[in-house]
Amino acid sequence: MATEKKARRDALNESHVWQVYARRKFEEPLHEIGNVMADDVELAKVYARSIYDEFAWVEMVIVPRETIVHVIET
């Protein structure tokens, strides 16, 4: 399975994982709603908006997974 995913990423040239966070109301905190795979930020934004469009979000952000810093990890 992991080999298939790598082959797909290589074929599509999608090597970066972007975590997607959003909120429905300004007074709510951001919640992680999923992730997308894309090589650049513009494509990641398009993927995030099109994949996670089931709600009327007031804010949606993407973060490159490799930039996330773990404070506690068990």
N, C-alpha and C. Protein backbone atom coordinates (compact mmCIF):
# COMPACT_ATOMS: atom_id res chain seq x y z
N MET A 1 0.82 -1.20 0.00
CA MET A 1 0.00 0.00 0.00
C MET A 1 0.87 1.26 0.00
N ALA A 2 1.89 1.30 0.84
CA ALA A 2 2.77 2.47 0.89
C ALA A 2 3.48 2.66 -0.44
N THR A 3 3.84 1.57 -1.09
CA THR A 3 4.51 1.65 -2.39
C THR A 3 3.57 2.24 -3.43
N GLU A 4 2.28 1.87 -3.37
CA GLU A 4 1.30 2.42 -4.30
C GLU A 4 1.14 3.92 -4.11
N LYS A 5 1.10 4.36 -2.85
CA LYS A 5 0.96 5.79 -2.57
C LYS A 5 2.17 6.56 -3.09
N LYS A 6 3.36 6.01 -2.88
CA LYS A 6 4.57 6.68 -3.36
C LYS A 6 4.57 6.74 -4.89
N ALA A 7 4.15 5.66 -5.52
CA ALA A 7 4.09 5.64 -6.99
C ALA A 7 3.10 6.68 -7.50
N ARG A 8 1.96 6.82 -6.81
CA ARG A 8 0.97 7.83 -7.20
C ARG A 8 1.54 9.23 -7.05
N ARG A 9 2.20 9.48 -5.90
CA ARG A 9 2.80 10.80 -5.67
C ARG A 9 3.85 11.10 -6.73
N ASP A 10 4.67 10.11 -7.05
CA ASP A 10 5.71 10.32 -8.05
C ASP A 10 5.08 10.59 -9.42
N ALA A 11 4.04 9.84 -9.75
CA ALA A 11 3.39 10.01 -11.05
C ALA A 11 2.71 11.37 -11.17
N LEU A 12 2.11 11.83 -10.09
CA LEU A 12 1.42 13.11 -10.10
C LEU A 12 2.32 14.26 -9.70
N ASN A 13 3.55 13.94 -9.32
CA ASN A 13 4.51 14.95 -8.87
C ASN A 13 3.98 15.70 -7.65
N GLU A 14 3.31 14.99 -6.76
CA GLU A 14 2.76 15.58 -5.54
C GLU A 14 3.57 15.06 -4.36
N SER A 15 4.51 15.84 -3.90
CA SER A 15 5.40 15.34 -2.86
C SER A 15 5.21 16.00 -1.51
N HIS A 16 4.39 17.05 -1.43
CA HIS A 16 4.21 17.76 -0.16
C HIS A 16 2.81 17.52 0.39
N VAL A 17 2.74 17.28 1.69
CA VAL A 17 1.46 17.13 2.36
C VAL A 17 1.16 18.43 3.08
N TRP A 18 -0.04 18.92 2.91
CA TRP A 18 -0.50 20.17 3.53
C TRP A 18 -1.66 19.84 4.46
N GLN A 19 -1.55 20.20 5.73
CA GLN A 19 -2.64 20.03 6.68
C GLN A 19 -3.64 21.16 6.46
N VAL A 20 -4.92 20.83 6.52
CA VAL A 20 -5.97 21.82 6.27
C VAL A 20 -6.75 22.05 7.57
N TYR A 21 -6.88 23.32 7.94
CA TYR A 21 -7.61 23.74 9.14
C TYR A 21 -8.68 24.74 8.71
N ALA A 22 -9.82 24.71 9.40
CA ALA A 22 -10.89 25.64 9.05
C ALA A 22 -11.79 25.89 10.26
N ARG A 23 -12.59 26.94 10.12
CA ARG A 23 -13.61 27.25 11.13
C ARG A 23 -14.86 27.76 10.42
N ARG A 24 -16.01 27.45 11.03
CA ARG A 24 -17.29 27.89 10.46
C ARG A 24 -17.74 29.24 11.00
N LYS A 25 -17.32 29.57 12.22
CA LYS A 25 -17.66 30.85 12.84
C LYS A 25 -16.37 31.47 13.37
N PHE A 26 -16.31 32.79 13.35
CA PHE A 26 -15.08 33.46 13.80
C PHE A 26 -14.78 33.17 15.27
N GLU A 27 -15.81 32.95 16.08
CA GLU A 27 -15.57 32.71 17.51
C GLU A 27 -15.13 31.27 17.79
N GLU A 28 -15.16 30.40 16.80
CA GLU A 28 -14.70 29.02 16.97
C GLU A 28 -13.20 28.93 16.73
N PRO A 29 -12.54 27.96 17.36
CA PRO A 29 -11.13 27.74 17.04
C PRO A 29 -10.99 27.04 15.69
N LEU A 30 -9.81 27.12 15.12
CA LEU A 30 -9.54 26.36 13.90
C LEU A 30 -9.53 24.87 14.26
N HIS A 31 -10.07 24.06 13.38
CA HIS A 31 -10.08 22.61 13.55
C HIS A 31 -9.38 21.97 12.36
N GLU A 32 -8.63 20.93 12.63
CA GLU A 32 -8.02 20.19 11.52
C GLU A 32 -9.13 19.43 10.81
N ILE A 33 -9.26 19.64 9.51
CA ILE A 33 -10.31 18.97 8.77
C ILE A 33 -9.77 17.95 7.77
N GLY A 34 -8.46 17.91 7.59
CA GLY A 34 -7.89 16.93 6.69
C GLY A 34 -6.55 17.38 6.13
N ASN A 35 -6.19 16.80 4.99
CA ASN A 35 -4.94 17.19 4.34
C ASN A 35 -5.07 17.00 2.84
N VAL A 36 -4.17 17.65 2.13
CA VAL A 36 -4.09 17.52 0.68
C VAL A 36 -2.63 17.33 0.30
N MET A 37 -2.41 16.79 -0.87
CA MET A 37 -1.06 16.61 -1.39
C MET A 37 -0.90 17.44 -2.64
N ALA A 38 0.11 18.31 -2.63
CA ALA A 38 0.38 19.16 -3.78
C ALA A 38 1.81 19.66 -3.71
N ASP A 39 2.38 19.98 -4.84
CA ASP A 39 3.77 20.45 -4.88
C ASP A 39 3.94 21.92 -4.53
N ASP A 40 2.89 22.71 -4.71
CA ASP A 40 3.05 24.13 -4.39
C ASP A 40 1.81 24.66 -3.67
N VAL A 41 1.97 25.82 -3.08
CA VAL A 41 0.92 26.38 -2.24
C VAL A 41 -0.34 26.70 -3.03
N GLU A 42 -0.20 27.19 -4.25
CA GLU A 42 -1.38 27.55 -5.04
C GLU A 42 -2.23 26.32 -5.36
N LEU A 43 -1.60 25.24 -5.74
CA LEU A 43 -2.33 24.01 -6.02
C LEU A 43 -2.94 23.44 -4.74
N ALA A 44 -2.21 23.53 -3.64
CA ALA A 44 -2.73 23.05 -2.36
C ALA A 44 -3.98 23.84 -1.96
N LYS A 45 -3.99 25.14 -2.20
CA LYS A 45 -5.17 25.96 -1.90
C LYS A 45 -6.37 25.53 -2.74
N VAL A 46 -6.14 25.27 -4.01
CA VAL A 46 -7.23 24.83 -4.89
C VAL A 46 -7.77 23.48 -4.42
N TYR A 47 -6.87 22.54 -4.11
CA TYR A 47 -7.30 21.23 -3.64
C TYR A 47 -8.09 21.35 -2.34
N ALA A 48 -7.58 22.12 -1.39
CA ALA A 48 -8.25 22.26 -0.09
C ALA A 48 -9.64 22.84 -0.26
N ARG A 49 -9.74 23.89 -1.05
CA ARG A 49 -11.05 24.54 -1.25
C ARG A 49 -12.03 23.60 -1.94
N SER A 50 -11.57 22.84 -2.92
CA SER A 50 -12.49 21.98 -3.67
C SER A 50 -12.84 20.70 -2.92
N ILE A 51 -11.91 20.16 -2.16
CA ILE A 51 -12.17 18.91 -1.44
C ILE A 51 -13.01 19.14 -0.19
N TYR A 52 -12.73 20.22 0.54
CA TYR A 52 -13.39 20.46 1.82
C TYR A 52 -14.41 21.59 1.73
N ASP A 53 -15.23 21.58 0.69
CA ASP A 53 -16.20 22.66 0.49
C ASP A 53 -17.59 22.33 1.02
N GLU A 54 -17.70 21.33 1.89
CA GLU A 54 -19.03 20.90 2.35
C GLU A 54 -19.68 21.89 3.31
N PHE A 55 -18.91 22.80 3.89
CA PHE A 55 -19.46 23.80 4.80
C PHE A 55 -19.12 25.20 4.29
N ALA A 56 -19.85 26.18 4.80
CA ALA A 56 -19.55 27.58 4.49
C ALA A 56 -18.51 28.07 5.51
N TRP A 57 -17.25 27.79 5.24
CA TRP A 57 -16.18 28.17 6.16
C TRP A 57 -15.98 29.68 6.14
N VAL A 58 -15.68 30.26 7.31
CA VAL A 58 -15.31 31.68 7.34
C VAL A 58 -13.80 31.83 7.23
N GLU A 59 -13.08 30.75 7.50
CA GLU A 59 -11.62 30.76 7.36
C GLU A 59 -11.13 29.35 7.10
N MET A 60 -10.17 29.23 6.21
CA MET A 60 -9.51 27.96 5.93
C MET A 60 -8.03 28.26 5.73
N VAL A 61 -7.17 27.48 6.38
CA VAL A 61 -5.73 27.67 6.23
C VAL A 61 -5.08 26.33 5.91
N ILE A 62 -3.94 26.41 5.24
CA ILE A 62 -3.15 25.21 4.98
C ILE A 62 -1.75 25.43 5.56
N VAL A 63 -1.18 24.34 6.05
CA VAL A 63 0.15 24.38 6.66
C VAL A 63 0.96 23.22 6.11
N PRO A 64 2.16 23.47 5.60
CA PRO A 64 2.98 22.35 5.15
C PRO A 64 3.27 21.42 6.33
N ARG A 65 3.00 20.15 6.15
CA ARG A 65 3.16 19.19 7.25
C ARG A 65 4.58 19.21 7.81
N GLU A 66 5.58 19.40 6.96
CA GLU A 66 6.96 19.34 7.44
C GLU A 66 7.32 20.53 8.33
N THR A 67 6.48 21.56 8.39
CA THR A 67 6.76 22.70 9.26
C THR A 67 6.13 22.58 10.64
N ILE A 68 5.32 21.56 10.85
CA ILE A 68 4.67 21.38 12.14
C ILE A 68 5.70 20.91 13.16
N VAL A 69 5.71 21.58 14.30
CA VAL A 69 6.64 21.24 15.38
C VAL A 69 5.85 20.55 16.48
N HIS A 70 6.23 19.34 16.82
CA HIS A 70 5.57 18.60 17.89
C HIS A 70 6.12 19.05 19.24
N VAL A 71 5.24 19.40 20.13
CA VAL A 71 5.63 19.77 21.48
C VAL A 71 5.64 18.53 22.37
N ILE A 72 4.60 17.72 22.24
CA ILE A 72 4.51 16.45 22.96
C ILE A 72 4.16 15.39 21.93
N GLU A 73 4.91 14.33 21.93
CA GLU A 73 4.65 13.24 21.00
C GLU A 73 4.92 11.93 21.74
N THR A 74 3.90 11.09 21.84
CA THR A 74 4.08 9.83 22.57
C THR A 74 4.24 8.67 21.63
